[in-house]
N, C-alpha and C. Protein backbone atom coordinates (compact mmCIF):
# COMPACT_ATOMS: atom_id res chain seq x y z
N MET A 1 0.45 -19.70 -20.46
CA MET A 1 -0.53 -20.07 -19.47
C MET A 1 -1.14 -18.82 -18.83
N CYS A 2 -0.34 -17.80 -18.56
CA CYS A 2 -0.84 -16.57 -17.94
C CYS A 2 -1.93 -15.94 -18.81
N ARG A 3 -1.68 -15.89 -20.11
CA ARG A 3 -2.67 -15.28 -21.01
C ARG A 3 -3.98 -16.05 -20.98
N GLU A 4 -3.93 -17.36 -20.93
CA GLU A 4 -5.14 -18.18 -20.88
C GLU A 4 -5.93 -17.91 -19.60
N ILE A 5 -5.22 -17.87 -18.50
CA ILE A 5 -5.88 -17.61 -17.21
C ILE A 5 -6.50 -16.21 -17.22
N ARG A 6 -5.75 -15.23 -17.72
CA ARG A 6 -6.19 -13.84 -17.74
C ARG A 6 -7.47 -13.64 -18.56
N GLN A 7 -7.67 -14.46 -19.60
CA GLN A 7 -8.85 -14.33 -20.45
C GLN A 7 -10.14 -14.68 -19.70
N SER A 8 -10.05 -15.55 -18.71
CA SER A 8 -11.27 -15.99 -18.05
C SER A 8 -11.34 -15.68 -16.55
N SER A 9 -10.29 -15.12 -15.99
CA SER A 9 -10.28 -14.91 -14.55
C SER A 9 -9.41 -13.72 -14.16
N SER A 10 -9.70 -13.18 -12.98
CA SER A 10 -8.87 -12.09 -12.46
C SER A 10 -8.10 -12.52 -11.22
N VAL A 11 -7.92 -13.84 -11.04
CA VAL A 11 -7.16 -14.32 -9.89
C VAL A 11 -5.72 -13.81 -9.98
N PRO A 12 -5.11 -13.52 -8.86
CA PRO A 12 -3.73 -13.06 -8.90
C PRO A 12 -2.79 -14.13 -9.44
N ILE A 13 -1.88 -13.74 -10.30
CA ILE A 13 -0.86 -14.64 -10.84
C ILE A 13 0.49 -14.11 -10.40
N ILE A 14 1.19 -14.92 -9.62
CA ILE A 14 2.50 -14.53 -9.12
C ILE A 14 3.52 -15.53 -9.67
N VAL A 15 4.49 -15.04 -10.40
CA VAL A 15 5.53 -15.89 -10.97
C VAL A 15 6.68 -15.96 -9.96
N LEU A 16 7.02 -17.17 -9.55
CA LEU A 16 8.16 -17.39 -8.66
C LEU A 16 9.28 -18.00 -9.49
N ALA A 17 10.40 -17.32 -9.55
CA ALA A 17 11.50 -17.78 -10.40
C ALA A 17 12.81 -17.79 -9.65
N SER A 18 13.69 -18.66 -10.08
CA SER A 18 15.01 -18.69 -9.46
C SER A 18 15.94 -17.69 -10.13
N ARG A 19 15.61 -17.29 -11.37
CA ARG A 19 16.42 -16.29 -12.07
C ARG A 19 15.84 -14.91 -11.82
N ASN A 20 16.72 -13.93 -11.75
CA ASN A 20 16.26 -12.57 -11.51
C ASN A 20 16.89 -11.63 -12.53
N THR A 21 16.29 -11.59 -13.69
CA THR A 21 16.76 -10.64 -14.70
C THR A 21 15.60 -9.73 -15.05
N ASP A 22 15.93 -8.54 -15.49
CA ASP A 22 14.88 -7.60 -15.89
C ASP A 22 14.04 -8.18 -17.01
N PHE A 23 14.69 -8.90 -17.93
CA PHE A 23 13.97 -9.50 -19.05
C PHE A 23 12.92 -10.48 -18.56
N ASP A 24 13.30 -11.37 -17.63
CA ASP A 24 12.34 -12.36 -17.11
C ASP A 24 11.17 -11.68 -16.43
N GLU A 25 11.46 -10.65 -15.64
CA GLU A 25 10.40 -9.94 -14.95
C GLU A 25 9.46 -9.25 -15.94
N LEU A 26 10.03 -8.53 -16.90
CA LEU A 26 9.21 -7.84 -17.90
C LEU A 26 8.36 -8.81 -18.70
N MET A 27 8.93 -9.92 -19.11
CA MET A 27 8.18 -10.91 -19.88
C MET A 27 7.02 -11.45 -19.06
N SER A 28 7.26 -11.76 -17.81
CA SER A 28 6.20 -12.29 -16.94
C SER A 28 5.07 -11.28 -16.78
N LEU A 29 5.42 -10.03 -16.54
CA LEU A 29 4.41 -9.00 -16.34
C LEU A 29 3.67 -8.70 -17.65
N ASN A 30 4.37 -8.75 -18.77
CA ASN A 30 3.74 -8.48 -20.07
C ASN A 30 2.77 -9.57 -20.50
N ILE A 31 2.97 -10.80 -20.06
CA ILE A 31 2.07 -11.87 -20.47
C ILE A 31 0.91 -12.06 -19.49
N GLY A 32 0.81 -11.19 -18.49
CA GLY A 32 -0.36 -11.23 -17.63
C GLY A 32 -0.13 -11.48 -16.16
N ALA A 33 1.10 -11.74 -15.75
CA ALA A 33 1.36 -11.95 -14.32
C ALA A 33 1.19 -10.63 -13.57
N ASP A 34 0.78 -10.73 -12.32
CA ASP A 34 0.58 -9.54 -11.50
C ASP A 34 1.83 -9.17 -10.71
N ASP A 35 2.64 -10.17 -10.45
CA ASP A 35 3.84 -9.92 -9.67
C ASP A 35 4.90 -10.93 -10.08
N PHE A 36 6.13 -10.56 -9.93
CA PHE A 36 7.26 -11.42 -10.25
C PHE A 36 8.12 -11.48 -9.01
N VAL A 37 8.34 -12.66 -8.49
CA VAL A 37 9.13 -12.83 -7.28
C VAL A 37 10.29 -13.75 -7.59
N SER A 38 11.48 -13.28 -7.31
CA SER A 38 12.65 -14.13 -7.50
C SER A 38 13.25 -14.42 -6.14
N LYS A 39 13.97 -15.50 -6.06
CA LYS A 39 14.59 -15.87 -4.80
C LYS A 39 15.93 -15.14 -4.68
N PRO A 40 16.32 -14.57 -3.61
CA PRO A 40 15.46 -14.20 -2.49
C PRO A 40 14.60 -13.00 -2.88
N TYR A 41 13.47 -12.80 -2.22
CA TYR A 41 12.58 -11.71 -2.58
C TYR A 41 12.46 -10.70 -1.45
N ASN A 42 12.10 -9.50 -1.83
CA ASN A 42 11.91 -8.42 -0.88
C ASN A 42 10.43 -8.38 -0.49
N ALA A 43 10.13 -8.79 0.72
CA ALA A 43 8.74 -8.88 1.16
C ALA A 43 8.02 -7.54 1.12
N GLN A 44 8.72 -6.48 1.43
CA GLN A 44 8.07 -5.17 1.45
C GLN A 44 7.64 -4.75 0.04
N VAL A 45 8.46 -5.02 -0.95
CA VAL A 45 8.10 -4.71 -2.34
C VAL A 45 6.92 -5.56 -2.76
N ARG A 46 6.94 -6.81 -2.36
CA ARG A 46 5.84 -7.72 -2.70
C ARG A 46 4.52 -7.24 -2.08
N ILE A 47 4.55 -6.81 -0.85
CA ILE A 47 3.34 -6.30 -0.19
C ILE A 47 2.85 -5.05 -0.91
N ARG A 48 3.76 -4.18 -1.28
CA ARG A 48 3.37 -2.96 -2.02
C ARG A 48 2.69 -3.33 -3.34
N ASN A 49 3.27 -4.29 -4.07
CA ASN A 49 2.68 -4.71 -5.34
C ASN A 49 1.31 -5.35 -5.15
N ARG A 50 1.18 -6.20 -4.15
CA ARG A 50 -0.11 -6.85 -3.90
C ARG A 50 -1.16 -5.83 -3.48
N THR A 51 -0.76 -4.84 -2.70
CA THR A 51 -1.69 -3.79 -2.28
C THR A 51 -2.15 -2.97 -3.48
N ALA A 52 -1.21 -2.61 -4.34
CA ALA A 52 -1.57 -1.86 -5.55
C ALA A 52 -2.54 -2.66 -6.40
N ARG A 53 -2.32 -3.95 -6.51
CA ARG A 53 -3.23 -4.81 -7.28
C ARG A 53 -4.60 -4.85 -6.63
N TRP A 54 -4.65 -4.95 -5.30
CA TRP A 54 -5.93 -4.99 -4.60
C TRP A 54 -6.74 -3.73 -4.95
N PHE A 55 -6.09 -2.57 -4.87
CA PHE A 55 -6.79 -1.33 -5.19
C PHE A 55 -7.22 -1.28 -6.65
N ALA A 56 -6.39 -1.79 -7.54
CA ALA A 56 -6.75 -1.80 -8.96
C ALA A 56 -8.00 -2.65 -9.21
N ILE A 57 -8.16 -3.71 -8.44
CA ILE A 57 -9.31 -4.59 -8.62
C ILE A 57 -10.54 -4.09 -7.88
N TYR A 58 -10.42 -3.74 -6.60
CA TYR A 58 -11.58 -3.48 -5.76
C TYR A 58 -11.95 -2.01 -5.59
N PHE A 59 -10.97 -1.10 -5.68
CA PHE A 59 -11.28 0.31 -5.45
C PHE A 59 -10.30 1.19 -6.23
N PRO A 60 -10.37 1.16 -7.57
CA PRO A 60 -9.41 1.93 -8.37
C PRO A 60 -9.51 3.43 -8.17
N GLU A 61 -10.66 3.92 -7.74
CA GLU A 61 -10.85 5.37 -7.54
C GLU A 61 -10.13 5.90 -6.30
N TYR A 62 -9.68 5.02 -5.43
CA TYR A 62 -9.02 5.43 -4.20
C TYR A 62 -7.81 6.33 -4.48
N LYS A 63 -7.04 5.96 -5.50
CA LYS A 63 -5.84 6.76 -5.81
C LYS A 63 -6.20 8.15 -6.31
N ASP A 64 -7.41 8.34 -6.84
CA ASP A 64 -7.85 9.68 -7.25
C ASP A 64 -8.09 10.56 -6.03
N VAL A 65 -8.50 9.95 -4.93
CA VAL A 65 -8.77 10.70 -3.71
C VAL A 65 -7.48 10.95 -2.94
N TYR A 66 -6.64 9.93 -2.83
CA TYR A 66 -5.44 10.04 -2.00
C TYR A 66 -4.12 10.08 -2.76
N GLY A 67 -4.06 9.45 -3.89
CA GLY A 67 -2.81 9.39 -4.63
C GLY A 67 -1.87 8.32 -4.12
N ASP A 68 -1.96 8.01 -2.84
CA ASP A 68 -1.07 7.03 -2.23
C ASP A 68 -1.85 6.25 -1.18
N TYR A 69 -1.76 4.94 -1.23
CA TYR A 69 -2.50 4.12 -0.26
C TYR A 69 -1.90 4.16 1.14
N LYS A 70 -0.79 4.87 1.32
CA LYS A 70 -0.17 4.97 2.64
C LYS A 70 -0.72 6.14 3.46
N ALA A 71 -1.61 6.93 2.87
CA ALA A 71 -2.16 8.10 3.57
C ALA A 71 -2.82 7.66 4.88
N VAL A 72 -2.46 8.31 5.96
CA VAL A 72 -2.94 7.93 7.30
C VAL A 72 -4.46 7.98 7.39
N SER A 73 -5.06 9.05 6.93
CA SER A 73 -6.52 9.18 7.05
C SER A 73 -7.23 8.12 6.22
N GLY A 74 -6.71 7.81 5.05
CA GLY A 74 -7.31 6.79 4.21
C GLY A 74 -7.19 5.41 4.82
N ARG A 75 -6.04 5.11 5.40
CA ARG A 75 -5.83 3.80 6.03
C ARG A 75 -6.75 3.61 7.23
N MET A 76 -6.99 4.69 7.97
CA MET A 76 -7.91 4.60 9.11
C MET A 76 -9.29 4.15 8.65
N VAL A 77 -9.75 4.74 7.56
CA VAL A 77 -11.06 4.39 7.04
C VAL A 77 -11.05 2.96 6.51
N LEU A 78 -10.00 2.60 5.77
CA LEU A 78 -9.93 1.27 5.18
C LEU A 78 -9.91 0.16 6.23
N LYS A 79 -9.36 0.44 7.39
CA LYS A 79 -9.34 -0.58 8.44
C LYS A 79 -10.75 -0.85 8.97
N GLU A 80 -11.62 0.16 8.93
CA GLU A 80 -13.00 -0.02 9.39
C GLU A 80 -13.96 -0.35 8.26
N ALA A 81 -13.68 0.18 7.07
CA ALA A 81 -14.57 0.00 5.93
C ALA A 81 -13.70 -0.23 4.69
N PRO A 82 -13.27 -1.48 4.47
CA PRO A 82 -12.30 -1.74 3.41
C PRO A 82 -12.81 -1.60 1.98
N LEU A 83 -14.04 -1.93 1.74
CA LEU A 83 -14.56 -1.90 0.36
C LEU A 83 -15.33 -0.62 0.09
N PRO A 84 -15.41 -0.23 -1.18
CA PRO A 84 -16.18 0.98 -1.52
C PRO A 84 -17.61 0.94 -0.99
N GLU A 85 -18.25 -0.23 -1.06
CA GLU A 85 -19.62 -0.35 -0.55
C GLU A 85 -19.68 -0.09 0.96
N ASP A 86 -18.64 -0.49 1.69
CA ASP A 86 -18.58 -0.25 3.14
C ASP A 86 -18.42 1.24 3.43
N ILE A 87 -17.57 1.90 2.65
CA ILE A 87 -17.34 3.34 2.82
C ILE A 87 -18.61 4.11 2.48
N HIS A 88 -19.26 3.71 1.40
CA HIS A 88 -20.49 4.39 0.98
C HIS A 88 -21.56 4.23 2.06
N LYS A 89 -21.66 3.05 2.63
CA LYS A 89 -22.64 2.79 3.70
C LYS A 89 -22.31 3.62 4.95
N LEU A 90 -21.04 3.80 5.23
CA LEU A 90 -20.59 4.59 6.38
C LEU A 90 -20.98 6.05 6.22
N GLY A 91 -20.89 6.56 4.99
CA GLY A 91 -21.24 7.95 4.71
C GLY A 91 -20.17 8.92 5.16
N ALA A 92 -20.29 10.16 4.72
CA ALA A 92 -19.29 11.18 5.04
C ALA A 92 -19.22 11.45 6.54
N GLU A 93 -20.36 11.45 7.21
CA GLU A 93 -20.37 11.66 8.67
C GLU A 93 -19.62 10.55 9.39
N GLY A 94 -19.82 9.30 8.96
CA GLY A 94 -19.14 8.17 9.58
C GLY A 94 -17.64 8.21 9.36
N VAL A 95 -17.26 8.57 8.14
CA VAL A 95 -15.84 8.69 7.82
C VAL A 95 -15.21 9.79 8.67
N ASN A 96 -15.87 10.92 8.73
CA ASN A 96 -15.36 12.04 9.51
C ASN A 96 -15.29 11.68 11.00
N ARG A 97 -16.23 10.88 11.49
CA ARG A 97 -16.23 10.45 12.89
C ARG A 97 -14.99 9.61 13.20
N ILE A 98 -14.60 8.74 12.26
CA ILE A 98 -13.38 7.93 12.44
C ILE A 98 -12.18 8.85 12.65
N TRP A 99 -12.09 9.88 11.84
CA TRP A 99 -10.97 10.81 11.93
C TRP A 99 -11.02 11.63 13.22
N ARG A 100 -12.23 12.09 13.59
CA ARG A 100 -12.36 12.87 14.83
C ARG A 100 -12.01 12.02 16.04
N ASP A 101 -12.49 10.77 16.07
CA ASP A 101 -12.20 9.88 17.19
C ASP A 101 -10.69 9.66 17.35
N ALA A 102 -9.97 9.67 16.23
CA ALA A 102 -8.51 9.49 16.26
C ALA A 102 -7.78 10.81 16.45
N LYS A 103 -8.57 11.90 16.56
CA LYS A 103 -7.99 13.24 16.72
C LYS A 103 -7.03 13.56 15.57
N LEU A 104 -7.42 13.16 14.38
CA LEU A 104 -6.62 13.40 13.19
C LEU A 104 -6.92 14.78 12.64
N ARG A 105 -5.88 15.56 12.45
CA ARG A 105 -6.06 16.91 11.92
C ARG A 105 -5.82 16.90 10.42
N GLY A 106 -6.43 17.84 9.75
CA GLY A 106 -6.20 17.99 8.32
C GLY A 106 -7.13 17.17 7.44
N ALA A 107 -7.87 16.25 8.04
CA ALA A 107 -8.83 15.46 7.26
C ALA A 107 -10.22 15.92 7.71
N GLY A 108 -10.93 16.54 6.81
CA GLY A 108 -12.22 17.09 7.19
C GLY A 108 -13.35 16.57 6.33
N MET A 109 -14.47 17.27 6.45
CA MET A 109 -15.69 16.85 5.79
C MET A 109 -15.54 16.86 4.27
N LYS A 110 -14.80 17.80 3.72
CA LYS A 110 -14.63 17.85 2.26
C LYS A 110 -13.95 16.58 1.77
N ARG A 111 -12.89 16.15 2.42
CA ARG A 111 -12.18 14.92 2.04
C ARG A 111 -13.09 13.71 2.24
N ALA A 112 -13.85 13.71 3.33
CA ALA A 112 -14.78 12.60 3.60
C ALA A 112 -15.82 12.49 2.49
N LYS A 113 -16.37 13.61 2.07
CA LYS A 113 -17.37 13.59 0.99
C LYS A 113 -16.75 13.11 -0.32
N THR A 114 -15.54 13.54 -0.59
CA THR A 114 -14.85 13.12 -1.81
C THR A 114 -14.64 11.60 -1.80
N LEU A 115 -14.22 11.07 -0.66
CA LEU A 115 -13.98 9.63 -0.54
C LEU A 115 -15.29 8.85 -0.69
N VAL A 116 -16.33 9.29 -0.03
CA VAL A 116 -17.63 8.60 -0.11
C VAL A 116 -18.19 8.68 -1.53
N SER A 117 -18.02 9.81 -2.18
CA SER A 117 -18.48 9.94 -3.56
C SER A 117 -17.72 8.99 -4.48
N ALA A 118 -16.40 8.90 -4.32
CA ALA A 118 -15.60 7.98 -5.13
C ALA A 118 -16.03 6.54 -4.87
N ALA A 119 -16.30 6.23 -3.62
CA ALA A 119 -16.75 4.87 -3.27
C ALA A 119 -18.11 4.57 -3.91
N GLY A 120 -18.98 5.55 -3.91
CA GLY A 120 -20.31 5.37 -4.48
C GLY A 120 -20.29 5.16 -5.99
N HIS A 121 -19.28 5.69 -6.65
CA HIS A 121 -19.17 5.56 -8.11
C HIS A 121 -18.12 4.54 -8.52
N SER A 122 -17.67 3.75 -7.60
CA SER A 122 -16.58 2.82 -7.88
C SER A 122 -16.97 1.76 -8.92
N VAL A 123 -16.02 1.49 -9.78
CA VAL A 123 -16.21 0.43 -10.78
C VAL A 123 -15.46 -0.84 -10.36
N GLY A 124 -15.00 -0.86 -9.13
CA GLY A 124 -14.25 -2.00 -8.62
C GLY A 124 -15.09 -3.26 -8.56
N SER A 125 -14.39 -4.39 -8.51
CA SER A 125 -15.05 -5.70 -8.46
C SER A 125 -15.85 -5.86 -7.18
N LYS A 126 -16.99 -6.48 -7.32
CA LYS A 126 -17.84 -6.78 -6.16
C LYS A 126 -17.78 -8.28 -5.84
N GLU A 127 -16.86 -8.96 -6.52
CA GLU A 127 -16.70 -10.40 -6.37
C GLU A 127 -16.01 -10.73 -5.05
N ALA A 128 -16.52 -11.71 -4.33
CA ALA A 128 -15.93 -12.23 -3.09
C ALA A 128 -15.58 -11.13 -2.09
N PRO A 129 -16.58 -10.37 -1.62
CA PRO A 129 -16.27 -9.25 -0.71
C PRO A 129 -15.63 -9.68 0.61
N GLY A 130 -16.02 -10.83 1.13
CA GLY A 130 -15.42 -11.29 2.39
C GLY A 130 -13.93 -11.54 2.24
N ALA A 131 -13.55 -12.20 1.16
CA ALA A 131 -12.13 -12.47 0.91
C ALA A 131 -11.38 -11.18 0.65
N ALA A 132 -12.00 -10.24 -0.05
CA ALA A 132 -11.35 -8.95 -0.34
C ALA A 132 -11.09 -8.18 0.95
N ARG A 133 -12.07 -8.19 1.85
CA ARG A 133 -11.90 -7.49 3.14
C ARG A 133 -10.74 -8.10 3.93
N MET A 134 -10.73 -9.43 3.98
CA MET A 134 -9.68 -10.12 4.74
C MET A 134 -8.31 -9.87 4.11
N GLU A 135 -8.24 -9.89 2.78
CA GLU A 135 -6.96 -9.67 2.10
C GLU A 135 -6.42 -8.27 2.41
N LEU A 136 -7.28 -7.25 2.31
CA LEU A 136 -6.81 -5.89 2.58
C LEU A 136 -6.38 -5.75 4.04
N LYS A 137 -7.15 -6.33 4.94
CA LYS A 137 -6.78 -6.27 6.36
C LYS A 137 -5.38 -6.86 6.57
N ASN A 138 -5.12 -8.02 5.97
CA ASN A 138 -3.81 -8.65 6.10
C ASN A 138 -2.71 -7.80 5.46
N LEU A 139 -2.99 -7.24 4.29
CA LEU A 139 -1.99 -6.39 3.62
C LEU A 139 -1.66 -5.15 4.44
N LEU A 140 -2.68 -4.50 4.99
CA LEU A 140 -2.45 -3.31 5.81
C LEU A 140 -1.66 -3.66 7.07
N ASN A 141 -1.98 -4.80 7.68
CA ASN A 141 -1.23 -5.25 8.85
C ASN A 141 0.23 -5.54 8.50
N ASP A 142 0.44 -6.23 7.36
CA ASP A 142 1.81 -6.52 6.93
C ASP A 142 2.58 -5.24 6.67
N MET A 143 1.93 -4.26 6.03
CA MET A 143 2.59 -2.98 5.77
C MET A 143 2.98 -2.30 7.08
N ASP A 144 2.08 -2.35 8.06
CA ASP A 144 2.38 -1.74 9.36
C ASP A 144 3.59 -2.41 10.01
N VAL A 145 3.65 -3.74 9.94
CA VAL A 145 4.77 -4.47 10.54
C VAL A 145 6.09 -4.08 9.88
N TYR A 146 6.12 -4.07 8.54
CA TYR A 146 7.37 -3.74 7.84
C TYR A 146 7.76 -2.28 8.02
N THR A 147 6.78 -1.39 8.05
CA THR A 147 7.08 0.02 8.29
C THR A 147 7.66 0.21 9.68
N SER A 148 7.08 -0.47 10.65
CA SER A 148 7.59 -0.40 12.02
C SER A 148 9.01 -0.94 12.12
N ARG A 149 9.27 -2.06 11.45
CA ARG A 149 10.62 -2.63 11.47
C ARG A 149 11.62 -1.67 10.84
N LEU A 150 11.23 -1.06 9.74
CA LEU A 150 12.13 -0.13 9.06
C LEU A 150 12.40 1.09 9.93
N GLU A 151 11.38 1.62 10.58
CA GLU A 151 11.56 2.76 11.48
C GLU A 151 12.51 2.41 12.62
N GLU A 152 12.31 1.22 13.19
CA GLU A 152 13.17 0.76 14.28
C GLU A 152 14.63 0.65 13.81
N LEU A 153 14.81 0.11 12.63
CA LEU A 153 16.15 -0.02 12.07
C LEU A 153 16.78 1.35 11.83
N LEU A 154 16.02 2.29 11.30
CA LEU A 154 16.55 3.63 11.05
C LEU A 154 16.94 4.32 12.36
N LEU A 155 16.16 4.12 13.41
CA LEU A 155 16.50 4.70 14.71
C LEU A 155 17.82 4.12 15.24
N LYS A 156 18.00 2.81 15.07
CA LYS A 156 19.25 2.18 15.52
C LYS A 156 20.43 2.70 14.71
N ILE A 157 20.22 2.90 13.42
CA ILE A 157 21.29 3.44 12.58
C ILE A 157 21.66 4.85 13.04
N GLU A 158 20.65 5.66 13.34
CA GLU A 158 20.91 7.02 13.82
C GLU A 158 21.71 6.99 15.12
N GLU A 159 21.36 6.06 16.02
CA GLU A 159 22.09 5.93 17.28
C GLU A 159 23.55 5.54 17.02
N LYS A 160 23.77 4.60 16.12
CA LYS A 160 25.13 4.16 15.80
C LYS A 160 25.93 5.26 15.13
N LEU A 161 25.26 6.06 14.31
CA LEU A 161 25.95 7.16 13.64
C LEU A 161 26.53 8.15 14.64
N LYS A 162 25.83 8.34 15.76
CA LYS A 162 26.30 9.28 16.78
C LYS A 162 27.62 8.84 17.40
N GLU A 163 27.95 7.56 17.26
CA GLU A 163 29.19 7.03 17.82
C GLU A 163 30.40 7.29 16.91
N ILE A 164 30.14 7.68 15.68
CA ILE A 164 31.22 7.91 14.71
C ILE A 164 31.81 9.30 14.94
N PRO A 165 33.14 9.37 15.06
CA PRO A 165 33.76 10.69 15.23
C PRO A 165 33.50 11.59 14.02
N TYR A 166 33.24 12.83 14.29
CA TYR A 166 33.01 13.85 13.26
C TYR A 166 31.79 13.56 12.37
N VAL A 167 30.83 12.83 12.89
CA VAL A 167 29.65 12.51 12.08
C VAL A 167 28.87 13.77 11.71
N ASP A 168 28.92 14.78 12.58
CA ASP A 168 28.19 16.01 12.28
C ASP A 168 28.76 16.68 11.02
N LYS A 169 30.07 16.58 10.84
CA LYS A 169 30.69 17.16 9.64
C LYS A 169 30.31 16.33 8.40
N LEU A 170 30.31 15.01 8.56
CA LEU A 170 29.91 14.14 7.44
C LEU A 170 28.46 14.41 7.03
N MET A 171 27.59 14.54 8.02
CA MET A 171 26.17 14.76 7.72
C MET A 171 25.93 16.15 7.15
N GLY A 172 26.89 17.03 7.30
CA GLY A 172 26.77 18.37 6.75
C GLY A 172 27.08 18.43 5.25
N ILE A 173 27.62 17.34 4.71
CA ILE A 173 27.94 17.31 3.29
C ILE A 173 26.64 17.18 2.50
N LYS A 174 26.51 18.02 1.47
CA LYS A 174 25.31 18.01 0.65
C LYS A 174 25.11 16.62 0.03
N GLY A 175 23.90 16.10 0.14
CA GLY A 175 23.56 14.80 -0.44
C GLY A 175 23.69 13.65 0.53
N ILE A 176 24.29 13.89 1.70
CA ILE A 176 24.43 12.84 2.70
C ILE A 176 23.32 13.04 3.72
N GLN A 177 22.51 12.02 3.89
CA GLN A 177 21.40 12.09 4.85
C GLN A 177 21.27 10.75 5.55
N CYS A 178 20.73 10.79 6.72
CA CYS A 178 20.50 9.55 7.44
C CYS A 178 19.19 8.90 6.97
N ARG A 179 18.22 9.70 6.62
CA ARG A 179 16.90 9.16 6.28
C ARG A 179 16.62 9.22 4.78
N GLN A 180 17.59 8.82 3.98
CA GLN A 180 17.37 8.79 2.53
C GLN A 180 16.34 7.75 2.14
N LEU A 181 16.32 6.63 2.84
CA LEU A 181 15.40 5.56 2.51
C LEU A 181 14.19 5.61 3.43
N LYS A 182 13.24 6.44 3.08
CA LYS A 182 12.00 6.57 3.88
C LYS A 182 11.12 5.36 3.62
N PRO A 183 10.38 4.92 4.64
CA PRO A 183 9.45 3.79 4.45
C PRO A 183 8.31 4.16 3.55
């Protein structure tokens, strides 16, 4: 069924399964599914996968400019101008203004021009722009929520670690870190 849908449409296909084996996941993804979710599922991984798919469909050139959709300067622009056509309309001056207003350092006119140029040459889908804008807005908000929760959890873990006797000696062992799992 996935292959049939894929031949005529680019709608997202998410396989929800009760089994969680690598084979099931690989088979689902190989026949055209965009994501494989098993019960219970990791919401943060799912958001990451959906976000990657959004960029693959609507703005594939974004990763050439940033490499990672978590880049702070890129996310600032995407919140105001989610689609390539919006970024192109904003122009390099508009993009740079967003960064200046946020007092963001390290993002300058050269990066703004690169982003606007990539947006202007984008081969991304122009289908359903309103829905695409809303989807990215929701995905970015969801990412912010989960990142915030993870940061809060890591801070609590750090506080609890301080209660453990000789924790400073344990943390001095090579390979032992409190922040191994970065968001």
